[in-house]
C-alpha atoms as a PDB file:
ATOM      1  CA  UNK A   1     128.801 135.591  99.683  1.00  0.00           C
ATOM      2  CA  UNK A   2     129.507 136.431 103.307  1.00  0.00           C
ATOM      3  CA  UNK A   3     127.986 139.809 104.229  1.00  0.00           C
ATOM      4  CA  UNK A   4     125.368 139.244 106.923  1.00  0.00           C
ATOM      5  CA  UNK A   5     123.998 142.786 106.710  1.00  0.00           C
ATOM      6  CA  UNK A   6     120.741 143.557 104.916  1.00  0.00           C
ATOM      7  CA  UNK A   7     120.317 146.161 102.232  1.00  0.00           C
ATOM      8  CA  UNK A   8     122.025 149.434 103.006  1.00  0.00           C
ATOM      9  CA  UNK A   9     121.239 153.000 102.185  1.00  0.00           C
ATOM     10  CA  UNK A  10     123.886 155.641 102.521  1.00  0.00           C
ATOM     11  CA  UNK A  11     125.005 159.128 101.680  1.00  0.00           C
ATOM     12  CA  UNK A  12     128.324 160.444 100.509  1.00  0.00           C
ATOM     13  CA  UNK A  13     130.404 162.157 103.178  1.00  0.00           C
ATOM     14  CA  UNK A  14     133.410 164.505 103.299  1.00  0.00           C
ATOM     15  CA  UNK A  15     134.432 165.794  99.835  1.00  0.00           C
ATOM     16  CA  UNK A  16     131.643 163.911  98.111  1.00  0.00           C
ATOM     17  CA  UNK A  17     128.965 165.281 100.419  1.00  0.00           C
ATOM     18  CA  UNK A  18     130.257 168.779 101.087  1.00  0.00           C
ATOM     19  CA  UNK A  19     131.215 169.625  97.524  1.00  0.00           C
ATOM     20  CA  UNK A  20     128.503 167.829  95.596  1.00  0.00           C
ATOM     21  CA  UNK A  21     125.697 166.893  97.980  1.00  0.00           C
ATOM     22  CA  UNK A  22     125.529 163.508  96.298  1.00  0.00           C
ATOM     23  CA  UNK A  23     123.938 160.469  97.866  1.00  0.00           C
ATOM     24  CA  UNK A  24     123.865 156.760  97.128  1.00  0.00           C
ATOM     25  CA  UNK A  25     122.310 153.524  98.364  1.00  0.00           C
ATOM     26  CA  UNK A  26     124.510 150.505  99.033  1.00  0.00           C
ATOM     27  CA  UNK A  27     124.848 146.934 100.268  1.00  0.00           C
ATOM     28  CA  UNK A  28     128.656 146.530 100.521  1.00  0.00           C
ATOM     29  CA  UNK A  29     130.412 148.550 103.263  1.00  0.00           C
ATOM     30  CA  UNK A  30     133.920 147.018 103.082  1.00  0.00           C
ATOM     31  CA  UNK A  31     135.416 149.882 101.086  1.00  0.00           C
ATOM     32  CA  UNK A  32     133.085 152.633 102.297  1.00  0.00           C
ATOM     33  CA  UNK A  33     135.934 154.824 103.560  1.00  0.00           C
ATOM     34  CA  UNK A  34     137.787 154.678 100.256  1.00  0.00           C
ATOM     35  CA  UNK A  35     134.641 155.501  98.310  1.00  0.00           C
ATOM     36  CA  UNK A  36     133.552 158.254 100.733  1.00  0.00           C
ATOM     37  CA  UNK A  37     130.252 156.589 101.582  1.00  0.00           C
ATOM     38  CA  UNK A  38     128.202 156.211 104.753  1.00  0.00           C
ATOM     39  CA  UNK A  39     125.778 153.330 105.330  1.00  0.00           C
ATOM     40  CA  UNK A  40     122.754 152.546 107.445  1.00  0.00           C
ATOM     41  CA  UNK A  41     120.587 149.374 107.375  1.00  0.00           C
ATOM     42  CA  UNK A  42     116.984 149.343 106.184  1.00  0.00           C
ATOM     43  CA  UNK A  43     114.327 146.645 105.897  1.00  0.00           C
ATOM     44  CA  UNK A  44     114.868 144.033 103.166  1.00  0.00           C
ATOM     45  CA  UNK A  45     111.279 144.587 101.983  1.00  0.00           C
ATOM     46  CA  UNK A  46     110.953 147.789  99.978  1.00  0.00           C
ATOM     47  CA  UNK A  47     109.809 149.346  96.736  1.00  0.00           C
ATOM     48  CA  UNK A  48     111.331 151.888  94.384  1.00  0.00           C
ATOM     49  CA  UNK A  49     110.661 154.897  96.587  1.00  0.00           C
ATOM     50  CA  UNK A  50     113.366 153.677  98.998  1.00  0.00           C
ATOM     51  CA  UNK A  51     115.757 155.289  96.497  1.00  0.00           C
ATOM     52  CA  UNK A  52     114.105 158.709  96.592  1.00  0.00           C
ATOM     53  CA  UNK A  53     116.792 161.332  97.172  1.00  0.00           C
ATOM     54  CA  UNK A  54     119.651 158.971  96.359  1.00  0.00           C
ATOM     55  CA  UNK A  55     121.905 158.922  93.316  1.00  0.00           C
ATOM     56  CA  UNK A  56     122.675 155.225  93.021  1.00  0.00           C
ATOM     57  CA  UNK A  57     122.299 151.679  94.294  1.00  0.00           C
ATOM     58  CA  UNK A  58     125.037 149.317  95.483  1.00  0.00           C
ATOM     59  CA  UNK A  59     124.277 145.621  96.019  1.00  0.00           C
ATOM     60  CA  UNK A  60     126.951 143.233  97.273  1.00  0.00           C
ATOM     61  CA  UNK A  61     127.178 139.793  98.835  1.00  0.00           C
ATOM     62  CA  UNK A  62     124.438 138.245 100.962  1.00  0.00           C
ATOM     63  CA  UNK A  63     125.984 135.515 103.106  1.00  0.00           C
ATOM     64  CA  UNK A  64     124.260 132.228 102.222  1.00  0.00           C
ATOM     65  CA  UNK A  65     121.144 133.751 100.642  1.00  0.00           C
ATOM     66  CA  UNK A  66     120.421 132.344  97.193  1.00  0.00           C
ATOM     67  CA  UNK A  67     118.659 133.997  94.275  1.00  0.00           C
ATOM     68  CA  UNK A  68     117.508 130.487  93.318  1.00  0.00           C
ATOM     69  CA  UNK A  69     115.480 130.102  96.528  1.00  0.00           C
ATOM     70  CA  UNK A  70     113.038 133.043  96.619  1.00  0.00           C
ATOM     71  CA  UNK A  71     110.653 131.054  98.803  1.00  0.00           C
ATOM     72  CA  UNK A  72     113.300 130.720 101.499  1.00  0.00           C
ATOM     73  CA  UNK A  73     114.609 134.262 100.985  1.00  0.00           C
ATOM     74  CA  UNK A  74     111.539 136.395 100.184  1.00  0.00           C
ATOM     75  CA  UNK A  75     113.583 139.579  99.866  1.00  0.00           C
ATOM     76  CA  UNK A  76     115.030 138.217  96.593  1.00  0.00           C
ATOM     77  CA  UNK A  77     111.960 139.199  94.595  1.00  0.00           C
ATOM     78  CA  UNK A  78     111.887 142.611  96.240  1.00  0.00           C
ATOM     79  CA  UNK A  79     115.530 143.145  95.259  1.00  0.00           C
ATOM     80  CA  UNK A  80     114.820 142.114  91.670  1.00  0.00           C
ATOM     81  CA  UNK A  81     111.952 144.592  91.480  1.00  0.00           C
ATOM     82  CA  UNK A  82     114.180 147.336  92.872  1.00  0.00           C
ATOM     83  CA  UNK A  83     116.803 146.635  90.202  1.00  0.00           C
ATOM     84  CA  UNK A  84     114.124 146.759  87.513  1.00  0.00           C
ATOM     85  CA  UNK A  85     112.970 150.082  88.943  1.00  0.00           C
ATOM     86  CA  UNK A  86     116.528 151.374  88.571  1.00  0.00           C
ATOM     87  CA  UNK A  87     116.657 150.196  84.962  1.00  0.00           C
ATOM     88  CA  UNK A  88     113.398 151.909  84.057  1.00  0.00           C
ATOM     89  CA  UNK A  89     114.390 155.143  85.808  1.00  0.00           C
ATOM     90  CA  UNK A  90     118.082 155.034  84.782  1.00  0.00           C
ATOM     91  CA  UNK A  91     119.325 155.064  88.377  1.00  0.00           C
ATOM     92  CA  UNK A  92     123.026 154.070  88.495  1.00  0.00           C
ATOM     93  CA  UNK A  93     123.700 150.565  89.831  1.00  0.00           C
ATOM     94  CA  UNK A  94     126.868 148.818  91.059  1.00  0.00           C
ATOM     95  CA  UNK A  95     126.153 145.158  91.851  1.00  0.00           C
ATOM     96  CA  UNK A  96     128.516 142.356  92.891  1.00  0.00           C
ATOM     97  CA  UNK A  97     128.149 138.584  93.411  1.00  0.00           C
ATOM     98  CA  UNK A  98     124.648 138.219  94.918  1.00  0.00           C
ATOM     99  CA  UNK A  99     123.864 141.566  93.300  1.00  0.00           C
ATOM    100  CA  UNK A 100     125.223 140.303  89.967  1.00  0.00           C
ATOM    101  CA  UNK A 101     122.966 137.267  90.144  1.00  0.00           C
ATOM    102  CA  UNK A 102     119.956 139.404  91.058  1.00  0.00           C
ATOM    103  CA  UNK A 103     120.737 141.664  88.106  1.00  0.00           C
ATOM    104  CA  UNK A 104     120.874 138.703  85.723  1.00  0.00           C
ATOM    105  CA  UNK A 105     117.427 137.567  86.874  1.00  0.00           C
ATOM    106  CA  UNK A 106     116.072 141.118  86.705  1.00  0.00           C
ATOM    107  CA  UNK A 107     117.169 141.147  83.057  1.00  0.00           C
ATOM    108  CA  UNK A 108     115.467 137.793  82.327  1.00  0.00           C
ATOM    109  CA  UNK A 109     118.736 135.869  82.375  1.00  0.00           C
ATOM    110  CA  UNK A 110     119.590 132.470  83.835  1.00  0.00           C
ATOM    111  CA  UNK A 111     121.472 131.402  86.979  1.00  0.00           C
ATOM    112  CA  UNK A 112     122.904 127.923  87.584  1.00  0.00           C
ATOM    113  CA  UNK A 113     124.427 126.371  90.704  1.00  0.00           C
ATOM    114  CA  UNK A 114     127.770 124.543  90.877  1.00  0.00           C
ATOM    115  CA  UNK A 115     127.995 121.925  93.613  1.00  0.00           C
ATOM    116  CA  UNK A 116     131.763 121.521  93.185  1.00  0.00           C
ATOM    117  CA  UNK A 117     134.766 122.924  91.300  1.00  0.00           C
ATOM    118  CA  UNK A 118     133.627 126.526  91.608  1.00  0.00           C
ATOM    119  CA  UNK A 119     136.001 129.490  91.668  1.00  0.00           C
ATOM    120  CA  UNK A 120     137.449 130.363  95.050  1.00  0.00           C
ATOM    121  CA  UNK A 121     140.291 132.788  95.700  1.00  0.00           C
ATOM    122  CA  UNK A 122     141.715 135.600  93.578  1.00  0.00           C
ATOM    123  CA  UNK A 123     141.635 134.416  89.948  1.00  0.00           C
ATOM    124  CA  UNK A 124     143.038 136.415  87.052  1.00  0.00           C
ATOM    125  CA  UNK A 125     140.195 138.160  85.221  1.00  0.00           C
ATOM    126  CA  UNK A 126     140.413 138.646  81.450  1.00  0.00           C
ATOM    127  CA  UNK A 127     139.081 141.790  79.804  1.00  0.00           C
ATOM    128  CA  UNK A 128     137.103 141.894  76.568  1.00  0.00           C
ATOM    129  CA  UNK A 129     137.703 144.472  73.798  1.00  0.00           C
ATOM    130  CA  UNK A 130     134.604 146.350  74.988  1.00  0.00           C
ATOM    131  CA  UNK A 131     136.302 146.983  78.341  1.00  0.00           C
ATOM    132  CA  UNK A 132     138.763 149.365  76.671  1.00  0.00           C
ATOM    133  CA  UNK A 133     135.898 151.782  75.998  1.00  0.00           C
ATOM    134  CA  UNK A 134     134.270 151.392  79.400  1.00  0.00           C
ATOM    135  CA  UNK A 135     134.423 154.169  82.039  1.00  0.00           C
ATOM    136  CA  UNK A 136     135.309 151.754  84.846  1.00  0.00           C
ATOM    137  CA  UNK A 137     137.562 149.281  83.017  1.00  0.00           C
ATOM    138  CA  UNK A 138     139.383 151.422  80.441  1.00  0.00           C
ATOM    139  CA  UNK A 139     142.516 151.732  82.601  1.00  0.00           C
ATOM    140  CA  UNK A 140     142.356 148.293  84.259  1.00  0.00           C
ATOM    141  CA  UNK A 141     145.119 145.865  83.168  1.00  0.00           C
ATOM    142  CA  UNK A 142     144.143 142.616  81.519  1.00  0.00           C
ATOM    143  CA  UNK A 143     144.532 139.681  83.884  1.00  0.00           C
ATOM    144  CA  UNK A 144     143.814 141.763  86.994  1.00  0.00           C
ATOM    145  CA  UNK A 145     143.107 139.874  90.217  1.00  0.00           C
ATOM    146  CA  UNK A 146     139.783 139.903  92.038  1.00  0.00           C
ATOM    147  CA  UNK A 147     138.190 138.074  94.957  1.00  0.00           C
ATOM    148  CA  UNK A 148     135.807 135.435  93.636  1.00  0.00           C
ATOM    149  CA  UNK A 149     133.944 132.874  95.749  1.00  0.00           C
ATOM    150  CA  UNK A 150     130.583 131.669  94.528  1.00  0.00           C
ATOM    151  CA  UNK A 151     128.418 128.624  93.888  1.00  0.00           C
ATOM    152  CA  UNK A 152     125.905 130.343  91.611  1.00  0.00           C
ATOM    153  CA  UNK A 153     126.714 131.977  88.279  1.00  0.00           C
ATOM    154  CA  UNK A 154     125.306 132.767  84.869  1.00  0.00           C
ATOM    155  CA  UNK A 155     126.469 130.699  81.892  1.00  0.00           C
ATOM    156  CA  UNK A 156     125.638 133.528  79.492  1.00  0.00           C
ATOM    157  CA  UNK A 157     124.659 137.183  79.742  1.00  0.00           C
ATOM    158  CA  UNK A 158     121.099 138.402  79.258  1.00  0.00           C
ATOM    159  CA  UNK A 159     120.193 140.181  76.040  1.00  0.00           C
ATOM    160  CA  UNK A 160     121.226 143.836  76.015  1.00  0.00           C
ATOM    161  CA  UNK A 161     124.313 143.426  78.208  1.00  0.00           C
ATOM    162  CA  UNK A 162     127.908 144.172  77.206  1.00  0.00           C
ATOM    163  CA  UNK A 163     130.478 141.651  78.455  1.00  0.00           C
ATOM    164  CA  UNK A 164     133.468 143.429  80.014  1.00  0.00           C
ATOM    165  CA  UNK A 165     135.389 140.741  81.910  1.00  0.00           C
ATOM    166  CA  UNK A 166     135.423 136.960  82.238  1.00  0.00           C
ATOM    167  CA  UNK A 167     137.276 133.824  83.270  1.00  0.00           C
ATOM    168  CA  UNK A 168     137.060 130.386  81.709  1.00  0.00           C
ATOM    169  CA  UNK A 169     134.403 129.572  84.296  1.00  0.00           C
ATOM    170  CA  UNK A 170     131.884 132.324  83.583  1.00  0.00           C
ATOM    171  CA  UNK A 171     131.154 135.956  82.669  1.00  0.00           C
ATOM    172  CA  UNK A 172     132.453 138.207  85.447  1.00  0.00           C
ATOM    173  CA  UNK A 173     131.423 141.757  84.598  1.00  0.00           C
ATOM    174  CA  UNK A 174     128.913 143.428  82.337  1.00  0.00           C
ATOM    175  CA  UNK A 175     127.275 146.748  81.677  1.00  0.00           C
ATOM    176  CA  UNK A 176     123.689 147.139  80.593  1.00  0.00           C
ATOM    177  CA  UNK A 177     123.860 148.872  77.219  1.00  0.00           C
ATOM    178  CA  UNK A 178     122.796 152.502  77.423  1.00  0.00           C
ATOM    179  CA  UNK A 179     122.563 152.514  81.223  1.00  0.00           C
ATOM    180  CA  UNK A 180     124.838 153.447  84.131  1.00  0.00           C
ATOM    181  CA  UNK A 181     124.505 149.879  85.343  1.00  0.00           C
ATOM    182  CA  UNK A 182     127.457 147.583  86.120  1.00  0.00           C
ATOM    183  CA  UNK A 183     127.435 144.096  87.610  1.00  0.00           C
ATOM    184  CA  UNK A 184     130.344 141.928  88.790  1.00  0.00           C
ATOM    185  CA  UNK A 185     130.413 138.224  89.621  1.00  0.00           C
ATOM    186  CA  UNK A 186     133.626 138.890  91.552  1.00  0.00           C
ATOM    187  CA  UNK A 187     133.788 141.103  94.652  1.00  0.00           C
ATOM    188  CA  UNK A 188     135.165 144.629  94.079  1.00  0.00           C
ATOM    189  CA  UNK A 189     134.210 145.430  97.689  1.00  0.00           C
ATOM    190  CA  UNK A 190     136.355 142.646  99.186  1.00  0.00           C
ATOM    191  CA  UNK A 191     140.166 142.694  99.413  1.00  0.00           C
ATOM    192  CA  UNK A 192     142.639 139.909 100.161  1.00  0.00           C
ATOM    193  CA  UNK A 193     142.638 140.563 103.911  1.00  0.00           C
ATOM    194  CA  UNK A 194     138.863 140.309 104.092  1.00  0.00           C
ATOM    195  CA  UNK A 195     138.904 137.194 101.909  1.00  0.00           C
ATOM    196  CA  UNK A 196     141.259 135.467 104.338  1.00  0.00           C
ATOM    197  CA  UNK A 197     139.157 136.484 107.344  1.00  0.00           C
ATOM    198  CA  UNK A 198     135.791 135.536 105.897  1.00  0.00           C
ATOM    199  CA  UNK A 199     136.856 132.349 104.116  1.00  0.00           C
ATOM    200  CA  UNK A 200     138.432 131.146 107.358  1.00  0.00           C
ATOM    201  CA  UNK A 201     135.194 131.938 109.200  1.00  0.00           C
ATOM    202  CA  UNK A 202     133.070 130.081 106.621  1.00  0.00           C
ATOM    203  CA  UNK A 203     135.548 127.282 105.906  1.00  0.00           C
ATOM    204  CA  UNK A 204     133.026 124.496 106.513  1.00  0.00           C
ATOM    205  CA  UNK A 205     130.740 126.010 103.897  1.00  0.00           C
ATOM    206  CA  UNK A 206     133.318 126.628 101.170  1.00  0.00           C
ATOM    207  CA  UNK A 207     136.298 124.277 101.659  1.00  0.00           C
ATOM    208  CA  UNK A 208     136.697 120.510 101.938  1.00  0.00           C
ATOM    209  CA  UNK A 209     139.152 120.492 104.849  1.00  0.00           C
ATOM    210  CA  UNK A 210     141.920 122.526 106.493  1.00  0.00           C
ATOM    211  CA  UNK A 211     144.413 121.592 103.771  1.00  0.00           C
ATOM    212  CA  UNK A 212     142.056 122.861 101.081  1.00  0.00           C
ATOM    213  CA  UNK A 213     141.506 126.090 103.000  1.00  0.00           C
ATOM    214  CA  UNK A 214     145.230 126.644 103.449  1.00  0.00           C
ATOM    215  CA  UNK A 215     145.901 126.042  99.752  1.00  0.00           C
ATOM    216  CA  UNK A 216     143.360 128.709  98.805  1.00  0.00           C
ATOM    217  CA  UNK A 217     144.732 131.185 101.348  1.00  0.00           C
ATOM    218  CA  UNK A 218     148.330 130.583 100.258  1.00  0.00           C
ATOM    219  CA  UNK A 219     147.439 131.301  96.630  1.00  0.00           C
ATOM    220  CA  UNK A 220     145.422 134.455  97.352  1.00  0.00           C
ATOM    221  CA  UNK A 221     146.868 137.660  95.911  1.00  0.00           C
ATOM    222  CA  UNK A 222     146.250 141.363  96.479  1.00  0.00           C
ATOM    223  CA  UNK A 223     143.423 142.853  94.391  1.00  0.00           C
ATOM    224  CA  UNK A 224     144.014 146.627  94.099  1.00  0.00           C
ATOM    225  CA  UNK A 225     142.551 147.126  90.612  1.00  0.00           C
ATOM    226  CA  UNK A 226     139.351 145.339  91.540  1.00  0.00           C
ATOM    227  CA  UNK A 227     139.018 147.239  94.815  1.00  0.00           C
ATOM    228  CA  UNK A 228     139.368 150.550  92.963  1.00  0.00           C
ATOM    229  CA  UNK A 229     136.284 149.972  90.817  1.00  0.00           C
ATOM    230  CA  UNK A 230     133.861 151.284  93.445  1.00  0.00           C
ATOM    231  CA  UNK A 231     135.793 154.559  93.733  1.00  0.00           C
ATOM    232  CA  UNK A 232     135.757 154.877  89.945  1.00  0.00           C
ATOM    233  CA  UNK A 233     132.006 154.336  89.926  1.00  0.00           C
ATOM    234  CA  UNK A 234     131.548 157.156  92.431  1.00  0.00           C
ATOM    235  CA  UNK A 235     133.994 159.514  90.687  1.00  0.00           C
ATOM    236  CA  UNK A 236     133.261 158.732  87.054  1.00  0.00           C
ATOM    237  CA  UNK A 237     129.551 157.963  87.172  1.00  0.00           C
ATOM    238  CA  UNK A 238     127.796 159.375  90.250  1.00  0.00           C
ATOM    239  CA  UNK A 239     129.775 162.606  90.455  1.00  0.00           C
ATOM    240  CA  UNK A 240     129.918 163.016  86.679  1.00  0.00           C
ATOM    241  CA  UNK A 241     126.133 163.046  86.277  1.00  0.00           C
END
């Protein structure tokens, strides 16, 4: 969804950089200030050594790029290989929406496309019992709100993944068992303000007409718990290692 930028690499600044010298790679700059991260664009064609010297990988939305059309978007396969490299080398990963779908494919899972009646807005996300033992979700309230706009999803998680959050429509968050690897169908890096801006910009792509758009915007709620997940990943995973 939405972000026109390519893959991003970055390094932690301020307290993160000066006290710990930690670095990370990312593809979702919306909450970079809150997470203490700095970003710069790199080519979408890369191999595992692009992560040399970095402590983690972030992958977010990708505008209209589809994981189901690797011929049209050749960087999809490169991204999948990079995720698999992270899994083999236990490099921490935080992936949302497009990143979530890439992660599912990297883990030999399945993605389907909805042509209509897909989630759009800030739905309430339900937690599973496993979330109560998870470093990122342990203190998140059940029924928290998150930005969710997608046409592609997974109907079930790949083998070896722990379901952490879901809606009636689909799985929304998982962790790869035994790895510092989290993926989110919703957008932790997007808040309500950004949702309104970007959905308005892409209204022809996502909504039927102006009335439909306005109904979605009127129902949109703030998403503080979701937006705090990236900071928790930095504090509780990257800086804890």
